[in-house]
Protein backbone atom coordinates (compact mmCIF):
# COMPACT_ATOMS: atom_id res chain seq x y z
CA MET A 1 10.89 -19.26 0.01
CA GLU A 2 12.74 -21.41 2.52
CA SER A 3 15.92 -19.69 3.49
CA SER A 4 16.65 -18.06 6.70
CA LYS A 5 16.57 -14.71 5.20
CA ASN A 6 12.64 -15.20 4.90
CA ASN A 7 12.15 -16.49 8.55
CA PRO A 8 11.71 -14.06 11.21
CA ALA A 9 12.42 -16.66 13.76
CA GLN A 10 15.87 -17.44 12.40
CA ASP A 11 17.09 -14.23 11.19
CA THR A 12 15.99 -10.59 10.29
CA ILE A 13 13.97 -10.20 7.16
CA ALA A 14 15.90 -8.55 4.39
CA VAL A 15 14.09 -6.09 2.41
CA GLY A 16 14.33 -4.37 -0.91
CA LEU A 17 12.70 -0.99 -0.93
CA CYS A 18 11.44 0.39 -4.30
CA GLY A 19 10.69 4.23 -4.28
CA VAL A 20 13.21 4.65 -1.46
CA GLY A 21 13.55 8.49 -2.30
CA GLY A 22 10.02 9.21 -2.09
CA ARG A 23 7.99 10.36 0.80
CA MET A 24 6.90 7.08 2.07
CA GLY A 25 10.12 5.42 1.12
CA ARG A 26 12.11 7.87 3.42
CA GLU A 27 9.61 7.31 6.17
CA ILE A 28 9.85 3.55 5.72
CA LEU A 29 13.56 3.64 5.75
CA SER A 30 13.55 5.75 8.70
CA GLU A 31 11.06 3.74 10.74
CA ALA A 32 12.93 0.58 10.03
CA LEU A 33 15.46 1.31 12.83
CA LEU A 34 12.68 0.65 15.27
CA TYR A 35 12.23 -2.93 14.04
CA GLN A 36 14.80 -5.66 15.11
CA ASN A 37 13.70 -8.24 12.64
CA VAL A 38 13.33 -6.24 9.55
CA THR A 39 16.38 -4.70 7.69
CA ILE A 40 16.24 -2.60 4.43
CA VAL A 41 19.25 -3.99 2.69
CA ARG A 42 18.54 -2.51 -0.89
CA GLY A 43 16.97 0.68 -2.21
CA TYR A 44 15.96 1.46 -5.65
CA GLU A 45 14.89 4.26 -7.79
CA SER A 46 13.97 4.97 -11.42
CA LEU A 47 16.96 5.56 -14.01
CA ASP A 48 16.04 9.26 -14.09
CA TYR A 49 16.36 9.86 -10.38
CA ARG A 50 19.06 12.42 -9.81
CA LEU A 51 20.50 10.90 -6.87
CA LEU A 52 21.34 7.47 -8.13
CA GLY A 53 24.65 6.03 -6.53
CA THR A 54 24.33 8.30 -3.24
CA LYS A 55 23.46 6.86 0.21
CA ILE A 56 20.41 7.33 2.18
CA GLY A 57 19.90 5.83 5.55
CA GLY A 58 23.12 3.92 5.02
CA ILE A 59 22.32 2.24 1.77
CA THR A 60 23.14 3.09 -1.77
CA ILE A 61 20.39 4.13 -3.99
CA GLU A 62 20.45 1.69 -7.00
CA ALA A 63 18.85 1.99 -10.38
CA ASP A 64 15.61 -0.43 -10.20
CA ASN A 65 16.84 -2.21 -13.46
CA VAL A 66 20.06 -3.69 -12.02
CA GLU A 67 20.78 -7.21 -12.73
CA THR A 68 21.16 -7.83 -9.02
CA PHE A 69 17.48 -6.51 -8.35
CA LEU A 70 16.36 -7.95 -5.03
CA ASP A 71 19.46 -10.26 -4.65
CA ASP A 72 19.46 -11.39 -0.89
CA CYS A 73 16.11 -9.96 -0.16
CA GLY A 74 13.21 -11.84 1.11
CA VAL A 75 10.68 -9.20 0.63
CA LEU A 76 9.95 -6.36 -1.91
CA ILE A 77 8.31 -3.30 -0.57
CA ASP A 78 7.21 -0.97 -3.46
CA PHE A 79 5.82 2.56 -3.06
CA SER A 80 7.12 3.77 -6.57
CA ALA A 81 5.36 5.06 -9.62
CA PRO A 82 4.19 4.82 -12.15
CA ALA A 83 2.09 1.52 -12.20
CA ASP A 84 3.95 -0.18 -15.11
CA GLY A 85 7.21 0.20 -13.20
CA VAL A 86 5.63 -1.55 -10.31
CA ILE A 87 4.54 -4.41 -12.53
CA SER A 88 8.10 -5.03 -13.90
CA HIS A 89 9.34 -4.89 -10.18
CA LEU A 90 6.78 -7.54 -9.46
CA GLU A 91 7.65 -9.70 -12.42
CA ARG A 92 11.27 -9.72 -11.21
CA ALA A 93 10.36 -10.60 -7.82
CA ALA A 94 8.23 -13.69 -9.17
CA LYS A 95 11.29 -14.93 -10.92
CA LYS A 96 13.39 -14.58 -7.60
CA LYS A 97 10.54 -16.05 -5.60
CA VAL A 98 10.48 -12.92 -3.44
CA ALA A 99 7.36 -11.81 -1.62
CA ALA A 100 6.16 -8.48 -2.28
CA ILE A 101 4.18 -5.54 -0.53
CA VAL A 102 2.84 -2.94 -2.87
CA GLY A 103 1.43 0.46 -1.74
CA SER A 104 1.63 2.53 -4.89
CA THR A 105 -1.68 3.59 -6.36
CA GLY A 106 -2.88 4.57 -9.80
CA PHE A 107 -3.14 1.06 -11.38
CA ASP A 108 -5.50 0.59 -14.24
CA SER A 109 -7.25 -2.65 -14.91
CA LYS A 110 -4.74 -4.13 -16.78
CA ALA A 111 -1.97 -3.48 -14.30
CA ARG A 112 -4.26 -4.75 -11.32
CA ASN A 113 -5.11 -7.92 -13.41
CA ARG A 114 -1.38 -8.44 -14.07
CA MET A 115 -0.49 -8.23 -10.39
CA GLU A 116 -3.23 -10.57 -9.41
CA GLU A 117 -1.87 -13.16 -12.14
CA LEU A 118 1.77 -12.80 -10.48
CA ALA A 119 0.14 -13.44 -6.99
CA GLY A 120 -0.28 -17.08 -8.54
CA GLU A 121 3.59 -17.32 -8.40
CA ILE A 122 4.56 -15.44 -5.04
CA PRO A 123 2.55 -13.87 -2.20
CA ILE A 124 1.59 -10.15 -2.96
CA LEU A 125 -0.14 -7.94 -0.55
CA TYR A 126 -1.58 -4.88 -2.06
CA SER A 127 -3.36 -1.96 -0.24
CA ALA A 128 -3.64 1.61 -1.24
CA ASN A 129 -3.59 2.47 2.43
CA MET A 130 -1.94 0.50 5.14
CA SER A 131 -2.78 2.27 8.22
CA LEU A 132 -4.86 0.61 10.89
CA GLY A 133 -7.28 3.39 11.09
CA ILE A 134 -8.26 3.47 7.52
CA ASN A 135 -8.96 -0.20 7.30
CA VAL A 136 -11.27 0.15 10.55
CA LEU A 137 -12.92 3.05 8.75
CA ILE A 138 -13.54 0.70 5.67
CA ALA A 139 -15.00 -2.08 8.00
CA LEU A 140 -17.27 0.46 9.72
CA SER A 141 -18.38 1.94 6.44
CA GLN A 142 -19.42 -1.71 5.08
CA ARG A 143 -21.36 -1.96 8.45
CA VAL A 144 -23.23 1.07 8.08
CA GLN A 145 -24.00 0.13 4.31
CA GLU A 146 -25.39 -3.15 5.51
CA LEU A 147 -27.64 -1.30 8.20
CA VAL A 148 -28.89 1.50 6.00
CA GLY A 149 -29.36 -0.46 2.83
CA GLY A 150 -29.88 1.33 -0.36
CA GLY A 151 -31.85 4.53 1.07
CA TYR A 152 -28.90 6.67 1.56
CA ASP A 153 -26.48 8.58 -0.63
CA ILE A 154 -22.93 7.79 -0.25
CA ASP A 155 -19.93 10.30 -0.92
CA VAL A 156 -16.30 9.91 -0.14
CA VAL A 157 -14.50 13.43 0.42
CA GLU A 158 -10.80 13.13 0.32
CA THR A 159 -8.05 15.84 0.84
CA HIS A 160 -4.35 15.44 0.18
CA HIS A 161 -1.31 17.49 -0.34
CA ARG A 162 -1.10 19.67 -3.21
CA THR A 163 1.45 17.37 -4.90
CA LYS A 164 -0.56 14.24 -4.81
CA ARG A 165 -1.09 13.06 -8.62
CA ASP A 166 -4.04 10.85 -8.57
CA ALA A 167 -7.59 11.98 -7.88
CA PRO A 168 -9.69 10.41 -6.46
CA SER A 169 -7.08 8.65 -4.12
CA GLY A 170 -6.43 5.08 -4.15
CA THR A 171 -7.85 5.20 -0.69
CA ALA A 172 -11.13 6.41 -1.76
CA LEU A 173 -11.36 3.98 -4.58
CA MET A 174 -10.60 1.22 -1.99
CA ILE A 175 -13.59 2.46 0.01
CA GLU A 176 -15.84 2.24 -2.87
CA GLN A 177 -14.47 -1.13 -3.66
CA TYR A 178 -15.24 -2.66 -0.32
CA LEU A 179 -18.67 -1.21 -0.29
CA HIS A 180 -19.49 -2.86 -3.54
CA LEU A 181 -18.78 -6.17 -1.79
CA ILE A 182 -21.93 -5.22 0.25
CA ASP A 183 -23.86 -3.95 -2.60
CA PRO A 184 -22.50 -4.40 -6.27
CA ASP A 185 -24.84 -1.78 -7.37
CA VAL A 186 -24.02 0.92 -4.94
CA SER A 187 -23.30 4.41 -6.31
CA VAL A 188 -20.48 6.30 -4.53
CA GLN A 189 -19.44 9.84 -5.57
CA HIS A 190 -16.05 11.21 -4.93
CA HIS A 191 -14.70 14.61 -4.03
CA SER A 192 -10.99 15.30 -4.06
CA ILE A 193 -9.07 18.27 -2.52
CA ARG A 194 -5.58 19.05 -3.13
CA ALA A 195 -4.27 21.61 -0.74
CA GLY A 196 -1.18 22.26 1.33
CA ASP A 197 0.74 19.62 2.96
CA VAL A 198 -2.29 17.29 4.39
CA THR A 199 -0.90 13.83 4.78
CA GLY A 200 -4.37 12.38 4.17
CA GLU A 201 -8.03 12.77 5.21
CA HIS A 202 -11.12 10.70 4.04
CA THR A 203 -14.77 10.99 5.06
CA VAL A 204 -17.33 8.66 4.11
CA LEU A 205 -20.93 10.30 4.30
CA PHE A 206 -24.10 8.50 4.19
CA THR A 207 -26.81 11.08 3.71
CA GLY A 208 -30.56 10.30 3.98
CA VAL A 209 -33.68 12.72 4.20
CA GLY A 210 -33.19 14.64 7.37
CA GLU A 211 -29.96 13.10 8.62
CA ARG A 212 -26.47 12.64 7.65
CA LEU A 213 -24.07 10.12 9.12
CA GLU A 214 -20.03 10.83 8.63
CA LEU A 215 -17.08 8.71 9.04
CA THR A 216 -13.74 10.29 9.10
CA HIS A 217 -10.14 9.28 9.27
CA ARG A 218 -7.36 11.74 9.63
CA ALA A 219 -3.70 10.77 9.15
CA SER A 220 -1.61 13.41 10.88
CA SER A 221 1.90 11.54 9.99
CA ARG A 222 2.91 8.96 7.54
CA LYS A 223 3.88 6.87 10.56
CA ALA A 224 0.19 5.67 10.47
CA PHE A 225 1.02 4.05 7.33
CA THR A 226 4.47 2.61 8.17
CA LYS A 227 3.24 0.71 11.08
CA GLY A 228 0.88 -0.99 8.84
CA VAL A 229 3.89 -1.72 6.16
CA PHE A 230 5.91 -3.60 8.80
CA ALA A 231 2.90 -5.54 10.13
CA ALA A 232 2.45 -6.48 6.37
CA VAL A 233 6.23 -7.42 6.30
CA ASN A 234 5.98 -10.01 9.10
CA PHE A 235 2.42 -11.09 7.92
CA ILE A 236 3.69 -12.09 4.13
CA ILE A 237 6.83 -14.21 5.16
CA GLY A 238 6.20 -17.81 4.69
CA LYS A 239 2.76 -17.32 3.10
CA PRO A 240 1.78 -19.18 -0.02
CA PRO A 241 1.23 -17.65 -3.30
CA GLY A 242 -1.93 -15.51 -3.33
CA PHE A 243 -3.14 -11.86 -3.38
CA TYR A 244 -3.42 -10.54 0.20
CA ASP A 245 -4.68 -7.24 1.87
CA MET A 246 -4.37 -5.36 4.86
CA ARG A 247 -7.56 -6.82 6.23
CA LYS A 248 -6.08 -10.31 6.22
CA VAL A 249 -3.08 -8.64 8.21
CA LEU A 250 -5.32 -7.01 10.81
CA GLY A 251 -7.94 -9.68 11.10
CA LEU A 252 -10.97 -7.65 9.84
């Protein structure tokens, strides 16, 4: 990945965006206007997307199986679904040596393992939640777990808009994953609420005898996530093949 399209010091970073018509896709496309060194040059959706061929934010929505997929792109940003489609995108990105940032959720162990395999060929950054605040929440939760040890029950309560498909959320599972790094045997209970148009709320509860400690992150706008996405774009350029996360981006 030596061309100038991949080097922000020489040129803007050209991005192909999968899931351009979704909630996060539209937000990323809009927010990209604020970043002088990042340009969304191609936007993709699945074959059954009813607005294929129309323009959104100045780019034409293409089918994600086109032969020119990721041509002239230095980075793939993928917020599409389902997971098998994302893996197909990553396989084609690997063939073209295009770095990838994945924010989709709902991966099973097989898809996750395949993603990690492909990270041996290209740099892939995966995070179920790219906001600064949620990653700080995770770091704080790990510290609390270190301090209280096994004497407290741990619950994760998450609330999202009524149309969110996966439960528990990918972020809730990510919190549990990082707590397992502190104690592989820790038990985490999940509680999911789907209501209204809530962008996203996550609370980690540590409950002991006679007391409870709560850590909460509330996202009031998807701008909390897009800021992290563009930080990830600048981070991933020039990185060697490997499997990265937002903690690397943020230095946590």
